[in-house]
Amino acid sequence: MQDDKTLLESNSKIKITFFQALIPIIVLVAFLGYNVFIYGDSATSGPNQFALILAGCVAAVIGFSKRIPYNDLLEAVIENVKSTGSAIFILLMVGALAGTWLISGIIPTMIYYGLEILHPTFFLAAALIICCVISLATGSSWTTTATIGIALMGIGKALGLPAGMIAGAILSGAYFGDKMSPLSDTTNLAPAMAGTDIFTHIKYMAYTTIPSIILTLLIFIVLGFQFNTTNIQDSMVLKDSIQNTFNVTPMLFIVPIIVIIMIIKKAKPLVALFIGTVLAGIFAIIFQPEIIMKITGATEFNVNVAYKAVMNAMTDSVYIPSGNELLDKNELFSSGGMGGMLPTIWLILCAMFFGGIMQEIGALQKISDSLLKVAKSTFGLFASTTFTCIFFNGTASDQYLAIVVPGKMYQKAFKDRGLAPENLSRTLEDSGTVTSILFPWNTGGAYQSKTLGVGTGEYIGYAFFNIISPLMTLIFAYFNIKIRRLVKK
């Protein structure tokens, strides 16, 4: 596999103009915008995928004009797809987990007790804090949303809160921990690219991250005051509907607790999610025999019926009506299983096709180099780094590339300006890690949107932490706040 340094060197030899580098992006943006106009929220069900392929083909034509062999372009795409292998299997396992957590009653039980504890006025702030704590402990935004995030979505919907607002609070908290936890892969990757150590990186990153999360918390507290018990359905009615549909018991919390403990103990997310899925299937057989018979249409409970119900929940769509209009309208008790994740996987693969060809023809490198040339001041350097990270999230469609490539590109520039490497590592996280969810075709955006069941367009305006973070790093740079200089020996 070609390493990043070799890739950057080979791409720099390709003679491509700035305008040529922009052509595929212009084509992509035009198609994506038109798809949203025509299809609305369903654009990600196929049209956007083909738009990425079309834009990739335009990039390939430019590559052919520069005498880049077909096999080289194909190899770049294959390498890009390889990098998403883990994400794809995690997506499939999240779909299976959501299905078994539904039929076992784990998610309904979380919603039931959440309705007892969480008041609608403070729900958004509480969801933010809960996800901050879980993601700090696990170091994973993806695992946080796939477990507690799904439950919080159900509770928030039952309380009558907008889905996009709930998702914004969950994602803001999840990505706070993804940035700050020493267990996070991006928290380790950014200082490695910039040339500093992880603890210096975390300490220095706190200067921009703490104000960002405090500001986010205050916004959600203010938003929460528009929701109170006078404008939502009585939670007692919702709780009765859940209890009449499922066997609600605190024993069901054993499964999510085991999953969280495994992740805290540094178990691989894929392993933890798999075990959580299997355990939930066993709990479904023990605690929810009536649900199993209902979703299979069986008249008696036996081994074959139990196996079919659990397998269907893992792989296919499941819907359990509760008889409550609010719960059924929001489809709280439904899951698409592994099959429901396939459109998202399709989107990721097409994004990797586009990103791989753009990278191979040198388009991404050319645009980044052009930005570096106009960075005449210290603030300009920070702004160029921030924009480049966001640009790579939107074009290369992967948050790791949005950290690795700009990190390698700007490392020398920061050093030449006399800036300590932690300035760069902080900027990479403030703008690379958190903005991946703002693009529907990015692996982060596609995953989170499908996991939480909320379109990117719905939550983008409420993902305050993810929007504030890059702005905060620019504010600090503009006013020269906590900009550490290299100490000359």
Protein backbone atom coordinates (compact mmCIF):
# COMPACT_ATOMS: atom_id res chain seq x y z
CA MET A 1 0.00 0.00 0.00
CA GLN A 2 1.35 3.40 -1.00
CA ASP A 3 2.09 5.49 2.08
CA ASP A 4 0.92 9.09 2.44
CA LYS A 5 4.39 10.63 1.94
CA THR A 6 4.93 8.76 -1.35
CA LEU A 7 1.43 9.66 -2.42
CA LEU A 8 2.02 13.36 -1.81
CA GLU A 9 5.33 13.26 -3.69
CA SER A 10 3.86 11.43 -6.71
CA ASN A 11 0.84 13.74 -6.86
CA SER A 12 3.08 16.83 -6.75
CA LYS A 13 4.73 15.71 -10.02
CA ILE A 14 1.41 15.71 -11.89
CA LYS A 15 0.96 18.96 -13.84
CA ILE A 16 -2.63 19.93 -13.22
CA THR A 17 -3.97 23.49 -13.15
CA PHE A 18 -6.04 24.94 -10.33
CA PHE A 19 -9.06 25.26 -12.63
CA GLN A 20 -8.76 21.64 -13.76
CA ALA A 21 -8.62 20.56 -10.12
CA LEU A 22 -11.86 22.45 -9.43
CA ILE A 23 -13.84 21.07 -12.39
CA PRO A 24 -14.83 17.72 -10.75
CA ILE A 25 -15.81 19.54 -7.55
CA ILE A 26 -17.98 22.02 -9.49
CA VAL A 27 -19.65 19.11 -11.28
CA LEU A 28 -20.23 17.29 -7.98
CA VAL A 29 -21.69 20.33 -6.19
CA ALA A 30 -23.99 21.03 -9.17
CA PHE A 31 -25.34 17.47 -9.23
CA LEU A 32 -25.70 17.26 -5.44
CA GLY A 33 -27.60 20.56 -5.34
CA TYR A 34 -29.92 19.50 -8.16
CA ASN A 35 -30.52 16.14 -6.51
CA VAL A 36 -31.62 17.83 -3.29
CA PHE A 37 -33.93 20.09 -5.33
CA ILE A 38 -35.50 17.13 -7.12
CA TYR A 39 -35.43 14.37 -4.49
CA GLY A 40 -35.25 16.22 -1.16
CA ASP A 41 -34.21 14.01 1.77
CA SER A 42 -34.28 10.88 -0.42
CA ALA A 43 -31.32 12.14 -2.50
CA THR A 44 -28.98 9.88 -0.50
CA SER A 45 -30.96 6.80 -1.55
CA GLY A 46 -29.24 6.67 -4.94
CA PRO A 47 -28.97 9.98 -6.82
CA ASN A 48 -26.12 11.34 -4.69
CA GLN A 49 -24.24 8.07 -5.05
CA PHE A 50 -24.35 8.33 -8.83
CA ALA A 51 -23.42 12.03 -8.66
CA LEU A 52 -20.20 11.01 -6.90
CA ILE A 53 -19.49 8.46 -9.64
CA LEU A 54 -20.15 11.02 -12.39
CA ALA A 55 -17.85 13.56 -10.75
CA GLY A 56 -15.23 10.83 -10.32
CA CYS A 57 -15.48 10.02 -14.02
CA VAL A 58 -14.93 13.70 -14.87
CA ALA A 59 -11.80 13.60 -12.68
CA ALA A 60 -10.70 10.41 -14.45
CA VAL A 61 -11.01 12.10 -17.87
CA ILE A 62 -8.73 14.88 -16.61
CA GLY A 63 -6.36 12.18 -15.37
CA PHE A 64 -6.33 10.47 -18.77
CA SER A 65 -5.50 13.83 -20.40
CA LYS A 66 -2.46 13.95 -18.10
CA ARG A 67 -1.49 10.43 -19.21
CA ILE A 68 -2.28 8.83 -15.88
CA PRO A 69 -2.87 5.10 -16.58
CA TYR A 70 -6.28 3.59 -15.97
CA ASN A 71 -4.75 0.98 -13.65
CA ASP A 72 -3.22 3.70 -11.45
CA LEU A 73 -6.62 5.38 -11.04
CA LEU A 74 -8.27 2.06 -10.30
CA GLU A 75 -5.58 1.17 -7.75
CA ALA A 76 -6.12 4.52 -5.99
CA VAL A 77 -9.84 3.79 -5.75
CA ILE A 78 -9.19 0.28 -4.42
CA GLU A 79 -6.81 1.62 -1.76
CA ASN A 80 -9.43 4.20 -0.74
CA VAL A 81 -12.11 1.52 -0.47
CA LYS A 82 -9.77 -0.66 1.62
CA SER A 83 -9.48 2.14 4.17
CA THR A 84 -13.25 2.02 4.76
CA GLY A 85 -13.42 -1.74 5.37
CA SER A 86 -13.65 -1.39 9.13
CA ALA A 87 -16.30 1.34 8.87
CA ILE A 88 -18.45 -0.79 6.56
CA PHE A 89 -18.44 -3.80 8.89
CA ILE A 90 -19.17 -1.54 11.88
CA LEU A 91 -22.13 -0.10 9.97
CA LEU A 92 -23.48 -3.60 9.30
CA MET A 93 -23.03 -4.55 12.94
CA VAL A 94 -24.76 -1.37 14.13
CA GLY A 95 -27.74 -2.31 11.96
CA ALA A 96 -27.83 -5.79 13.51
CA LEU A 97 -27.42 -4.37 17.01
CA ALA A 98 -30.27 -1.89 16.55
CA GLY A 99 -32.56 -4.72 15.48
CA THR A 100 -31.81 -7.04 18.40
CA TRP A 101 -31.81 -4.17 20.91
CA LEU A 102 -35.32 -3.37 19.70
CA ILE A 103 -36.90 -6.83 19.87
CA SER A 104 -35.16 -7.59 23.19
CA GLY A 105 -36.77 -4.49 24.69
CA ILE A 106 -33.45 -2.78 25.52
CA ILE A 107 -34.21 0.41 23.58
CA PRO A 108 -37.87 0.57 24.72
CA THR A 109 -36.70 0.06 28.33
CA MET A 110 -34.16 2.89 27.98
CA ILE A 111 -36.92 5.12 26.61
CA TYR A 112 -39.28 4.09 29.44
CA TYR A 113 -36.86 4.98 32.24
CA GLY A 114 -35.63 8.01 30.32
CA LEU A 115 -39.17 9.39 30.33
CA GLU A 116 -39.17 9.05 34.12
CA ILE A 117 -35.84 10.81 34.62
CA LEU A 118 -35.36 13.33 31.79
CA HIS A 119 -37.59 16.41 31.73
CA PRO A 120 -38.10 17.85 28.22
CA THR A 121 -36.83 21.28 29.27
CA PHE A 122 -33.41 19.90 30.18
CA PHE A 123 -33.31 16.89 27.87
CA LEU A 124 -31.07 18.42 25.20
CA ALA A 125 -28.50 19.59 27.76
CA ALA A 126 -28.65 16.20 29.53
CA ALA A 127 -28.21 14.33 26.24
CA LEU A 128 -25.17 16.48 25.45
CA ILE A 129 -23.55 15.82 28.85
CA ILE A 130 -24.32 12.08 28.77
CA CYS A 131 -22.72 11.70 25.34
CA CYS A 132 -19.71 13.79 26.45
CA VAL A 133 -19.11 11.40 29.36
CA ILE A 134 -19.64 8.20 27.33
CA SER A 135 -17.43 9.33 24.44
CA LEU A 136 -14.69 10.49 26.82
CA ALA A 137 -14.74 7.07 28.47
CA THR A 138 -14.85 5.10 25.20
CA GLY A 139 -12.90 7.42 22.91
CA SER A 140 -15.39 6.72 20.12
CA SER A 141 -18.12 8.96 18.73
CA TRP A 142 -19.39 6.11 16.54
CA THR A 143 -19.87 3.73 19.45
CA THR A 144 -21.48 6.45 21.56
CA THR A 145 -24.14 7.19 18.94
CA ALA A 146 -24.67 3.49 18.15
CA THR A 147 -25.50 2.70 21.79
CA ILE A 148 -26.69 5.51 24.08
CA GLY A 149 -27.33 7.77 21.07
CA ILE A 150 -30.02 5.51 19.64
CA ALA A 151 -31.76 5.36 23.04
CA LEU A 152 -31.59 9.14 23.49
CA MET A 153 -33.13 9.62 20.03
CA GLY A 154 -36.07 7.46 21.12
CA ILE A 155 -36.52 9.32 24.40
CA GLY A 156 -36.31 12.73 22.74
CA LYS A 157 -38.84 11.81 20.06
CA ALA A 158 -41.20 10.45 22.71
CA LEU A 159 -40.92 13.78 24.54
CA GLY A 160 -41.89 15.60 21.35
CA LEU A 161 -38.55 17.22 20.51
CA PRO A 162 -37.44 17.71 16.86
CA ALA A 163 -35.26 14.85 15.61
CA GLY A 164 -32.61 17.16 14.16
CA MET A 165 -32.23 18.99 17.46
CA ILE A 166 -31.85 15.75 19.42
CA ALA A 167 -29.26 14.45 16.95
CA GLY A 168 -27.36 17.75 17.16
CA ALA A 169 -27.06 17.42 20.95
CA ILE A 170 -25.99 13.76 20.70
CA LEU A 171 -23.38 14.43 18.02
CA SER A 172 -22.01 17.51 19.80
CA GLY A 173 -21.38 15.44 22.93
CA ALA A 174 -20.08 12.42 21.02
CA TYR A 175 -17.49 14.45 19.11
CA PHE A 176 -16.35 16.30 22.23
CA GLY A 177 -15.11 12.99 23.61
CA ASP A 178 -13.80 11.92 20.21
CA LYS A 179 -11.56 15.00 20.28
CA MET A 180 -10.48 14.95 23.92
CA SER A 181 -10.22 11.29 24.91
CA PRO A 182 -6.71 9.75 24.84
CA LEU A 183 -8.43 6.53 23.71
CA SER A 184 -9.64 8.16 20.49
CA ASP A 185 -7.86 7.29 17.24
CA THR A 186 -8.11 10.86 15.90
CA THR A 187 -6.73 12.24 19.17
CA ASN A 188 -3.67 10.05 18.65
CA LEU A 189 -3.47 10.64 14.90
CA ALA A 190 -3.42 14.46 14.94
CA PRO A 191 -0.34 14.93 17.18
CA ALA A 192 1.46 12.17 15.27
CA MET A 193 0.93 14.11 12.01
CA ALA A 194 1.91 17.44 13.58
CA GLY A 195 4.96 16.20 15.48
CA THR A 196 3.93 16.55 19.12
CA ASP A 197 2.86 14.17 21.91
CA ILE A 198 -0.72 13.28 22.76
CA PHE A 199 -0.88 14.81 26.24
CA THR A 200 0.55 18.15 25.10
CA HIS A 201 -1.98 17.98 22.27
CA ILE A 202 -4.96 17.32 24.60
CA LYS A 203 -3.88 20.03 27.05
CA TYR A 204 -3.46 22.60 24.30
CA MET A 205 -6.67 21.53 22.54
CA ALA A 206 -8.64 22.17 25.74
CA TYR A 207 -8.18 25.92 25.25
CA THR A 208 -10.51 25.92 22.25
CA THR A 209 -12.59 22.82 23.02
CA ILE A 210 -13.79 23.76 26.52
CA PRO A 211 -15.22 27.17 25.43
CA SER A 212 -16.82 25.47 22.42
CA ILE A 213 -18.61 22.82 24.50
CA ILE A 214 -19.67 25.36 27.17
CA LEU A 215 -21.16 27.59 24.48
CA THR A 216 -22.88 24.55 22.96
CA LEU A 217 -24.32 23.57 26.35
CA LEU A 218 -25.69 27.09 26.93
CA ILE A 219 -27.37 27.06 23.50
CA PHE A 220 -29.09 23.73 24.21
CA ILE A 221 -30.20 24.93 27.66
CA VAL A 222 -31.83 27.98 26.04
CA LEU A 223 -33.43 25.85 23.31
CA GLY A 224 -34.77 23.47 25.95
CA PHE A 225 -36.95 26.14 27.56
CA GLN A 226 -39.28 26.13 24.56
CA PHE A 227 -40.24 22.55 25.48
CA ASN A 228 -42.22 21.81 28.63
CA THR A 229 -44.94 19.49 29.91
CA THR A 230 -47.70 21.75 28.60
CA ASN A 231 -46.88 21.24 24.93
CA ILE A 232 -46.12 17.51 24.81
CA GLN A 233 -48.20 14.43 25.30
CA ASP A 234 -48.41 13.18 28.87
CA SER A 235 -45.38 10.96 29.42
CA MET A 236 -47.46 8.61 31.58
CA VAL A 237 -49.47 7.64 28.51
CA LEU A 238 -46.27 6.95 26.58
CA LYS A 239 -44.86 4.84 29.41
CA ASP A 240 -48.07 2.82 29.64
CA SER A 241 -47.94 2.14 25.89
CA ILE A 242 -44.33 0.92 26.14
CA GLN A 243 -45.09 -1.26 29.16
CA ASN A 244 -48.13 -2.77 27.45
CA THR A 245 -46.03 -3.65 24.38
CA PHE A 246 -42.75 -4.85 25.94
CA ASN A 247 -41.62 -6.58 29.10
CA VAL A 248 -39.84 -3.63 30.74
CA THR A 249 -37.23 -4.63 33.32
CA PRO A 250 -33.94 -3.15 34.61
CA MET A 251 -32.32 -6.52 33.82
CA LEU A 252 -32.17 -5.43 30.16
CA PHE A 253 -29.58 -2.78 31.06
CA ILE A 254 -27.05 -5.60 31.52
CA VAL A 255 -26.36 -5.72 27.77
CA PRO A 256 -25.52 -2.02 27.18
CA ILE A 257 -23.49 -1.96 30.40
CA ILE A 258 -21.41 -4.92 29.18
CA VAL A 259 -20.85 -3.23 25.80
CA ILE A 260 -19.73 0.06 27.39
CA ILE A 261 -17.41 -1.73 29.83
CA MET A 262 -15.84 -3.67 26.95
CA ILE A 263 -15.12 -0.49 25.03
CA ILE A 264 -13.71 1.26 28.13
CA LYS A 265 -11.44 -1.77 28.53
CA LYS A 266 -10.22 -1.07 24.96
CA ALA A 267 -12.06 -3.90 23.23
CA LYS A 268 -12.35 -3.33 19.49
CA PRO A 269 -15.66 -1.59 18.60
CA LEU A 270 -16.55 -4.31 16.09
CA VAL A 271 -16.07 -7.02 18.74
CA ALA A 272 -18.06 -5.09 21.36
CA LEU A 273 -20.94 -4.43 18.96
CA PHE A 274 -21.01 -8.08 17.85
CA ILE A 275 -21.19 -9.34 21.44
CA GLY A 276 -23.85 -6.73 22.22
CA THR A 277 -25.88 -7.97 19.25
CA VAL A 278 -25.67 -11.64 20.20
CA LEU A 279 -26.44 -10.98 23.89
CA ALA A 280 -29.45 -8.87 22.92
CA GLY A 281 -30.73 -11.72 20.75
CA ILE A 282 -30.49 -14.09 23.74
CA PHE A 283 -32.25 -11.54 25.97
CA ALA A 284 -35.02 -11.21 23.37
CA ILE A 285 -35.70 -14.96 23.64
CA ILE A 286 -35.71 -14.80 27.45
CA PHE A 287 -37.65 -11.58 28.08
CA GLN A 288 -39.77 -10.93 24.96
CA PRO A 289 -41.35 -14.20 23.72
CA GLU A 290 -44.59 -12.39 22.83
CA ILE A 291 -42.71 -9.88 20.65
CA ILE A 292 -40.93 -12.75 18.90
CA MET A 293 -44.24 -14.44 18.08
CA LYS A 294 -45.75 -11.13 16.96
CA ILE A 295 -43.01 -10.27 14.43
CA THR A 296 -42.92 -13.82 13.00
CA GLY A 297 -46.69 -14.32 12.98
CA ALA A 298 -46.31 -17.57 14.93
CA THR A 299 -49.00 -18.94 17.24
CA GLU A 300 -46.60 -20.78 19.55
CA PHE A 301 -43.07 -20.16 20.80
CA ASN A 302 -40.32 -22.62 19.84
CA VAL A 303 -36.66 -22.72 18.83
CA ASN A 304 -37.33 -22.21 15.12
CA VAL A 305 -39.57 -19.20 15.76
CA ALA A 306 -36.99 -17.64 18.12
CA TYR A 307 -34.16 -18.15 15.61
CA LYS A 308 -36.19 -16.66 12.77
CA ALA A 309 -37.18 -13.59 14.80
CA VAL A 310 -33.64 -12.82 15.96
CA MET A 311 -32.16 -13.43 12.51
CA ASN A 312 -34.81 -11.21 10.87
CA ALA A 313 -34.13 -8.44 13.39
CA MET A 314 -30.39 -8.58 12.63
CA THR A 315 -30.69 -8.62 8.86
CA ASP A 316 -34.03 -7.12 7.82
CA SER A 317 -36.52 -4.43 8.77
CA VAL A 318 -38.66 -4.90 11.89
CA TYR A 319 -41.63 -2.82 13.02
CA ILE A 320 -43.44 -3.28 16.33
CA PRO A 321 -46.63 -1.19 16.66
CA SER A 322 -47.43 0.06 20.16
CA GLY A 323 -50.93 1.39 19.61
CA ASN A 324 -49.79 4.88 20.66
CA GLU A 325 -50.15 7.47 17.88
CA LEU A 326 -47.04 9.48 18.83
CA LEU A 327 -44.77 6.44 19.21
CA ASP A 328 -46.01 4.82 16.01
CA LYS A 329 -45.91 8.05 13.96
CA ASN A 330 -42.24 8.57 14.82
CA GLU A 331 -41.54 4.85 14.14
CA LEU A 332 -39.67 4.56 17.42
CA PHE A 333 -40.04 0.80 17.47
CA SER A 334 -38.70 0.04 14.00
CA SER A 335 -35.30 -1.00 12.67
CA GLY A 336 -33.82 -1.66 9.25
CA GLY A 337 -31.24 -4.21 10.40
CA MET A 338 -28.12 -4.82 8.34
CA GLY A 339 -30.11 -4.40 5.14
CA GLY A 340 -31.07 -0.88 6.15
CA MET A 341 -27.37 0.06 6.19
CA LEU A 342 -26.74 -0.90 2.55
CA PRO A 343 -27.65 2.53 1.01
CA THR A 344 -25.16 4.15 3.39
CA ILE A 345 -22.45 1.65 2.47
CA TRP A 346 -23.21 2.33 -1.19
CA LEU A 347 -22.77 6.06 -0.53
CA ILE A 348 -19.42 5.50 1.19
CA LEU A 349 -18.10 3.33 -1.65
CA CYS A 350 -19.06 5.94 -4.25
CA ALA A 351 -17.45 8.68 -2.15
CA MET A 352 -14.25 6.64 -2.01
CA PHE A 353 -14.38 6.31 -5.82
CA PHE A 354 -14.51 10.09 -6.21
CA GLY A 355 -11.94 10.79 -3.49
CA GLY A 356 -9.48 8.19 -4.77
CA ILE A 357 -9.43 9.53 -8.33
CA MET A 358 -9.22 13.17 -7.14
CA GLN A 359 -6.25 12.21 -5.00
CA GLU A 360 -4.50 10.26 -7.74
CA ILE A 361 -4.76 13.02 -10.38
CA GLY A 362 -3.29 15.51 -7.90
CA ALA A 363 -6.42 17.70 -7.71
CA LEU A 364 -6.64 17.71 -3.92
CA GLN A 365 -2.92 18.46 -3.63
CA LYS A 366 -3.14 21.31 -6.16
CA ILE A 367 -6.00 23.03 -4.36
CA SER A 368 -4.25 22.67 -1.00
CA ASP A 369 -0.97 24.03 -2.41
CA SER A 370 -2.83 27.03 -3.81
CA LEU A 371 -4.29 27.74 -0.39
CA LEU A 372 -0.85 27.54 1.20
CA LYS A 373 0.50 30.16 -1.22
CA VAL A 374 -2.03 32.78 -0.08
CA ALA A 375 -1.37 32.16 3.63
CA LYS A 376 0.90 35.17 4.12
CA SER A 377 0.13 35.78 7.82
CA THR A 378 -0.11 33.57 10.89
CA PHE A 379 -3.89 33.86 10.81
CA GLY A 380 -3.82 33.05 7.09
CA LEU A 381 -1.90 29.85 7.85
CA PHE A 382 -4.46 28.78 10.48
CA ALA A 383 -7.32 29.69 8.13
CA SER A 384 -5.76 27.75 5.24
CA THR A 385 -5.27 24.69 7.46
CA THR A 386 -8.85 24.88 8.71
CA PHE A 387 -10.30 25.25 5.23
CA THR A 388 -8.10 22.45 3.87
CA CYS A 389 -9.32 20.02 6.56
CA ILE A 390 -12.95 20.88 5.81
CA PHE A 391 -12.23 20.68 2.09
CA PHE A 392 -10.79 17.16 2.43
CA ASN A 393 -13.81 16.09 4.48
CA GLY A 394 -16.03 17.26 1.64
CA THR A 395 -13.96 15.83 -1.22
CA ALA A 396 -11.89 12.90 0.05
CA SER A 397 -14.93 11.96 2.18
CA ASP A 398 -12.91 10.64 5.10
CA GLN A 399 -11.97 12.35 8.37
CA TYR A 400 -8.68 10.49 8.61
CA LEU A 401 -7.52 11.86 5.25
CA ALA A 402 -8.73 15.27 6.46
CA ILE A 403 -6.18 14.97 9.27
CA VAL A 404 -3.31 13.05 7.64
CA VAL A 405 -2.88 15.00 4.38
CA PRO A 406 -3.20 18.56 5.78
CA GLY A 407 -1.02 17.49 8.72
CA LYS A 408 1.79 16.46 6.37
CA MET A 409 1.28 19.48 4.12
CA TYR A 410 1.36 22.17 6.77
CA GLN A 411 3.87 20.70 9.24
CA LYS A 412 6.84 22.51 7.69
CA ALA A 413 4.88 25.74 7.18
CA PHE A 414 4.04 25.93 10.89
CA LYS A 415 7.65 25.22 11.81
CA ASP A 416 8.95 27.88 9.39
CA ARG A 417 6.65 30.43 11.03
CA GLY A 418 8.06 29.56 14.44
CA LEU A 419 4.82 27.95 15.59
CA ALA A 420 4.85 24.96 17.96
CA PRO A 421 3.45 21.73 16.46
CA GLU A 422 0.56 21.64 18.96
CA ASN A 423 -0.92 24.63 17.08
CA LEU A 424 -1.22 22.42 14.02
CA SER A 425 -2.47 19.33 15.86
CA ARG A 426 -5.17 21.40 17.58
CA THR A 427 -6.29 22.91 14.28
CA LEU A 428 -6.42 19.48 12.63
CA GLU A 429 -8.82 18.23 15.31
CA ASP A 430 -10.87 21.44 15.55
CA SER A 431 -11.56 21.38 11.82
CA GLY A 432 -10.84 17.85 10.57
CA THR A 433 -12.33 15.54 13.20
CA VAL A 434 -15.59 17.35 13.91
CA THR A 435 -16.67 18.54 10.45
CA SER A 436 -16.86 15.08 8.88
CA ILE A 437 -20.51 14.74 9.92
CA LEU A 438 -21.50 17.90 8.03
CA PHE A 439 -21.20 16.13 4.66
CA PRO A 440 -23.78 13.40 3.82
CA TRP A 441 -21.30 11.55 1.58
CA ASN A 442 -18.45 11.57 4.11
CA THR A 443 -18.04 8.29 6.00
CA GLY A 444 -18.76 10.16 9.26
CA GLY A 445 -21.85 11.95 7.96
CA ALA A 446 -23.24 8.85 6.25
CA TYR A 447 -22.69 6.70 9.34
CA GLN A 448 -24.15 9.11 11.88
CA SER A 449 -27.14 9.97 9.73
CA LYS A 450 -28.05 6.31 9.25
CA THR A 451 -27.32 5.30 12.86
CA LEU A 452 -29.47 8.05 14.38
CA GLY A 453 -32.10 7.90 11.64
CA VAL A 454 -31.85 11.64 10.95
CA GLY A 455 -30.86 13.26 7.67
CA THR A 456 -27.72 15.37 7.62
CA GLY A 457 -29.82 18.33 6.49
CA GLU A 458 -31.96 17.97 9.62
CA TYR A 459 -29.17 17.97 12.21
CA ILE A 460 -26.54 20.15 10.53
CA GLY A 461 -28.05 23.34 11.97
CA TYR A 462 -28.01 21.91 15.49
CA ALA A 463 -24.57 20.28 15.56
CA PHE A 464 -23.36 23.40 17.34
CA PHE A 465 -20.13 21.96 18.74
CA ASN A 466 -19.09 20.72 15.30
CA ILE A 467 -19.74 24.15 13.78
CA ILE A 468 -18.31 26.24 16.62
CA SER A 469 -15.02 24.28 16.92
CA PRO A 470 -13.41 25.42 13.62
CA LEU A 471 -14.68 28.96 14.22
CA MET A 472 -13.17 28.94 17.72
CA THR A 473 -9.74 27.96 16.45
CA LEU A 474 -9.89 30.84 13.94
CA ILE A 475 -10.92 33.29 16.66
CA PHE A 476 -7.98 32.21 18.82
CA ALA A 477 -5.63 32.59 15.85
CA TYR A 478 -6.98 36.01 14.84
CA PHE A 479 -6.63 37.46 18.35
CA ASN A 480 -3.36 35.60 18.99
CA ILE A 481 -4.78 33.73 22.00
CA LYS A 482 -2.77 30.72 23.19
CA ILE A 483 -0.66 30.56 20.03
CA ARG A 484 2.45 28.82 21.28
CA ARG A 485 5.78 29.69 19.67
CA LEU A 486 8.80 27.49 19.23
CA VAL A 487 11.47 28.16 21.82
CA LYS A 488 14.85 28.83 20.20
CA LYS A 489 17.71 26.99 21.91
